């Protein structure tokens, strides 16, 4: 599978809809446009949630585990 080069607007929308469902303000969610390997979900020193999409697995596969990862760091 080809490595993901950039996070699409549609993928960002999916992530934000998920964080909305968890009652997280969009102001407090950062989604870098460049995916990395591995993808990460962490709380930044300023209290914001950083969601970095994984570059090496399919977005759908990665997204299917995102809710649990967010809940683990919150």
N, C-alpha and C. Protein backbone atom coordinates (compact mmCIF):
# COMPACT_ATOMS: atom_id res chain seq x y z
N UNK A 1 0.84 -1.19 0.00
CA UNK A 1 0.00 0.00 0.00
C UNK A 1 0.88 1.25 0.00
N UNK A 2 0.44 2.25 -0.70
CA UNK A 2 1.20 3.50 -0.80
C UNK A 2 1.06 4.31 0.49
N UNK A 3 2.14 4.90 0.90
CA UNK A 3 2.17 5.75 2.09
C UNK A 3 1.30 7.00 1.87
N UNK A 4 0.48 7.34 2.85
CA UNK A 4 -0.37 8.52 2.73
C UNK A 4 0.50 9.78 2.75
N UNK A 5 0.24 10.69 1.82
CA UNK A 5 1.04 11.91 1.70
C UNK A 5 0.47 13.10 2.47
N UNK A 6 -0.87 13.19 2.52
CA UNK A 6 -1.50 14.33 3.19
C UNK A 6 -2.88 13.91 3.69
N UNK A 7 -3.32 14.55 4.74
CA UNK A 7 -4.64 14.30 5.31
C UNK A 7 -5.64 15.15 4.52
N UNK A 8 -6.70 14.51 4.02
CA UNK A 8 -7.67 15.23 3.19
C UNK A 8 -8.67 15.99 4.05
N UNK A 9 -9.33 16.96 3.43
CA UNK A 9 -10.38 17.72 4.11
C UNK A 9 -11.47 16.78 4.60
N UNK A 10 -11.83 15.79 3.79
CA UNK A 10 -12.86 14.82 4.18
C UNK A 10 -12.43 14.03 5.41
N UNK A 11 -11.16 13.65 5.48
CA UNK A 11 -10.65 12.90 6.63
C UNK A 11 -10.64 13.78 7.88
N UNK A 12 -10.26 15.04 7.73
CA UNK A 12 -10.29 15.98 8.86
C UNK A 12 -11.72 16.12 9.37
N UNK A 13 -12.67 16.22 8.45
CA UNK A 13 -14.08 16.33 8.83
C UNK A 13 -14.51 15.11 9.62
N UNK A 14 -14.11 13.92 9.20
CA UNK A 14 -14.45 12.69 9.92
C UNK A 14 -13.89 12.73 11.35
N UNK A 15 -12.64 13.15 11.48
CA UNK A 15 -12.01 13.22 12.80
C UNK A 15 -12.75 14.23 13.68
N UNK A 16 -13.07 15.40 13.12
CA UNK A 16 -13.77 16.43 13.90
C UNK A 16 -15.18 15.99 14.29
N UNK A 17 -15.86 15.26 13.42
CA UNK A 17 -17.18 14.75 13.79
C UNK A 17 -17.08 13.77 14.96
N UNK A 18 -16.01 12.98 14.97
CA UNK A 18 -15.79 12.06 16.09
C UNK A 18 -15.51 12.85 17.37
N UNK A 19 -14.63 13.85 17.30
CA UNK A 19 -14.33 14.62 18.52
C UNK A 19 -15.56 15.41 18.97
N UNK A 20 -16.39 15.87 18.03
CA UNK A 20 -17.66 16.52 18.40
C UNK A 20 -18.52 15.56 19.21
N UNK A 21 -18.59 14.31 18.77
CA UNK A 21 -19.44 13.32 19.46
C UNK A 21 -18.92 13.04 20.87
N UNK A 22 -17.64 13.35 21.12
CA UNK A 22 -17.05 13.17 22.45
C UNK A 22 -17.08 14.48 23.25
N UNK A 23 -17.81 15.47 22.73
CA UNK A 23 -17.96 16.78 23.37
C UNK A 23 -16.64 17.52 23.53
N UNK A 24 -15.75 17.36 22.56
CA UNK A 24 -14.48 18.09 22.57
C UNK A 24 -14.62 19.28 21.63
N UNK A 25 -14.26 20.45 22.10
CA UNK A 25 -14.33 21.65 21.28
C UNK A 25 -13.34 21.57 20.13
N UNK A 26 -13.77 21.95 18.94
CA UNK A 26 -12.87 21.95 17.78
C UNK A 26 -11.69 22.90 17.99
N UNK A 27 -11.88 23.90 18.85
CA UNK A 27 -10.79 24.84 19.14
C UNK A 27 -9.62 24.14 19.84
N UNK A 28 -9.91 22.99 20.47
CA UNK A 28 -8.90 22.30 21.27
C UNK A 28 -8.37 21.04 20.59
N UNK A 29 -8.65 20.89 19.28
CA UNK A 29 -8.17 19.72 18.54
C UNK A 29 -7.25 20.20 17.41
N UNK A 30 -6.05 19.66 17.38
CA UNK A 30 -5.09 19.98 16.32
C UNK A 30 -4.86 18.73 15.49
N UNK A 31 -4.99 18.89 14.16
CA UNK A 31 -4.78 17.77 13.24
C UNK A 31 -3.75 18.22 12.19
N UNK A 32 -2.49 17.82 12.36
CA UNK A 32 -1.48 18.18 11.36
C UNK A 32 -1.85 17.60 9.99
N UNK A 33 -1.56 18.34 8.93
CA UNK A 33 -1.90 17.89 7.58
C UNK A 33 -0.97 16.81 7.06
N UNK A 34 0.17 16.64 7.70
CA UNK A 34 1.12 15.60 7.28
C UNK A 34 0.99 14.38 8.17
N UNK A 35 0.62 13.24 7.59
CA UNK A 35 0.57 12.01 8.39
C UNK A 35 1.98 11.57 8.77
N UNK A 36 2.09 10.80 9.83
CA UNK A 36 3.38 10.30 10.28
C UNK A 36 3.26 8.82 10.59
N UNK A 37 4.39 8.19 10.76
CA UNK A 37 4.38 6.78 11.13
C UNK A 37 5.22 6.61 12.39
N UNK A 38 4.65 6.16 13.47
CA UNK A 38 3.22 5.83 13.61
C UNK A 38 2.39 7.09 13.85
N UNK A 39 1.10 6.97 13.65
CA UNK A 39 0.18 8.06 14.01
C UNK A 39 0.10 8.14 15.53
N UNK A 40 -0.24 9.30 16.05
CA UNK A 40 -0.30 9.46 17.50
C UNK A 40 -1.53 10.28 17.91
N UNK A 41 -1.93 10.08 19.14
CA UNK A 41 -2.95 10.90 19.78
C UNK A 41 -2.37 11.27 21.13
N UNK A 42 -2.21 12.58 21.37
CA UNK A 42 -1.63 12.98 22.66
C UNK A 42 -2.16 14.34 23.06
N UNK A 43 -2.04 14.58 24.36
CA UNK A 43 -2.38 15.89 24.90
C UNK A 43 -1.13 16.75 24.87
N UNK A 44 -1.25 17.93 24.30
CA UNK A 44 -0.12 18.85 24.21
C UNK A 44 0.03 19.62 25.53
N UNK A 45 1.20 20.21 25.78
CA UNK A 45 1.39 20.98 27.01
C UNK A 45 0.34 22.09 27.20
N UNK A 46 -0.19 22.63 26.11
CA UNK A 46 -1.19 23.70 26.23
C UNK A 46 -2.60 23.16 26.48
N UNK A 47 -2.72 21.83 26.62
CA UNK A 47 -4.02 21.22 26.92
C UNK A 47 -4.79 20.77 25.69
N UNK A 48 -4.31 21.15 24.50
CA UNK A 48 -5.00 20.74 23.28
C UNK A 48 -4.73 19.27 22.97
N UNK A 49 -5.62 18.68 22.19
CA UNK A 49 -5.47 17.30 21.75
C UNK A 49 -4.87 17.31 20.35
N UNK A 50 -3.74 16.61 20.17
CA UNK A 50 -3.13 16.51 18.85
C UNK A 50 -3.41 15.12 18.29
N UNK A 51 -4.00 15.09 17.09
CA UNK A 51 -4.33 13.84 16.42
C UNK A 51 -3.51 13.78 15.13
N UNK A 52 -2.52 12.88 15.10
CA UNK A 52 -1.67 12.72 13.93
C UNK A 52 -2.07 11.42 13.23
N UNK A 53 -2.54 11.55 11.99
CA UNK A 53 -2.97 10.39 11.22
C UNK A 53 -1.77 9.51 10.88
N UNK A 54 -1.97 8.20 10.94
CA UNK A 54 -0.91 7.24 10.61
C UNK A 54 -0.71 7.18 9.10
N UNK A 55 0.53 7.29 8.66
CA UNK A 55 0.84 7.30 7.22
C UNK A 55 0.89 5.90 6.61
N UNK A 56 1.08 4.88 7.44
CA UNK A 56 1.36 3.55 6.90
C UNK A 56 0.19 2.58 6.85
N UNK A 57 -0.91 2.90 7.50
CA UNK A 57 -2.08 2.02 7.41
C UNK A 57 -3.23 2.81 6.78
N UNK A 58 -4.23 2.09 6.30
CA UNK A 58 -5.33 2.78 5.64
C UNK A 58 -6.03 3.70 6.65
N UNK A 59 -6.53 4.82 6.15
CA UNK A 59 -7.21 5.77 7.03
C UNK A 59 -8.37 5.10 7.76
N UNK A 60 -9.17 4.31 7.05
CA UNK A 60 -10.33 3.66 7.68
C UNK A 60 -9.92 2.73 8.82
N UNK A 61 -8.85 1.99 8.60
CA UNK A 61 -8.35 1.08 9.65
C UNK A 61 -7.88 1.90 10.86
N UNK A 62 -7.11 2.95 10.60
CA UNK A 62 -6.63 3.81 11.68
C UNK A 62 -7.79 4.49 12.41
N UNK A 63 -8.75 5.01 11.62
CA UNK A 63 -9.88 5.75 12.19
C UNK A 63 -10.74 4.85 13.08
N UNK A 64 -10.81 3.57 12.75
CA UNK A 64 -11.65 2.64 13.54
C UNK A 64 -11.17 2.51 14.98
N UNK A 65 -9.92 2.88 15.26
CA UNK A 65 -9.39 2.78 16.63
C UNK A 65 -9.24 4.14 17.29
N UNK A 66 -9.60 5.21 16.57
CA UNK A 66 -9.33 6.57 17.07
C UNK A 66 -10.12 6.90 18.33
N UNK A 67 -11.38 6.53 18.40
CA UNK A 67 -12.19 6.88 19.57
C UNK A 67 -11.54 6.36 20.85
N UNK A 68 -11.10 5.09 20.83
CA UNK A 68 -10.46 4.51 22.01
C UNK A 68 -9.18 5.24 22.37
N UNK A 69 -8.41 5.62 21.34
CA UNK A 69 -7.14 6.32 21.59
C UNK A 69 -7.40 7.70 22.22
N UNK A 70 -8.42 8.39 21.74
CA UNK A 70 -8.74 9.70 22.31
C UNK A 70 -9.21 9.54 23.75
N UNK A 71 -10.08 8.58 23.99
CA UNK A 71 -10.59 8.37 25.35
C UNK A 71 -9.47 7.98 26.31
N UNK A 72 -8.46 7.28 25.82
CA UNK A 72 -7.34 6.89 26.68
C UNK A 72 -6.50 8.08 27.14
N UNK A 73 -6.38 9.11 26.31
CA UNK A 73 -5.56 10.27 26.71
C UNK A 73 -6.35 11.36 27.40
N UNK A 74 -7.68 11.31 27.33
CA UNK A 74 -8.49 12.35 27.97
C UNK A 74 -8.73 11.99 29.39
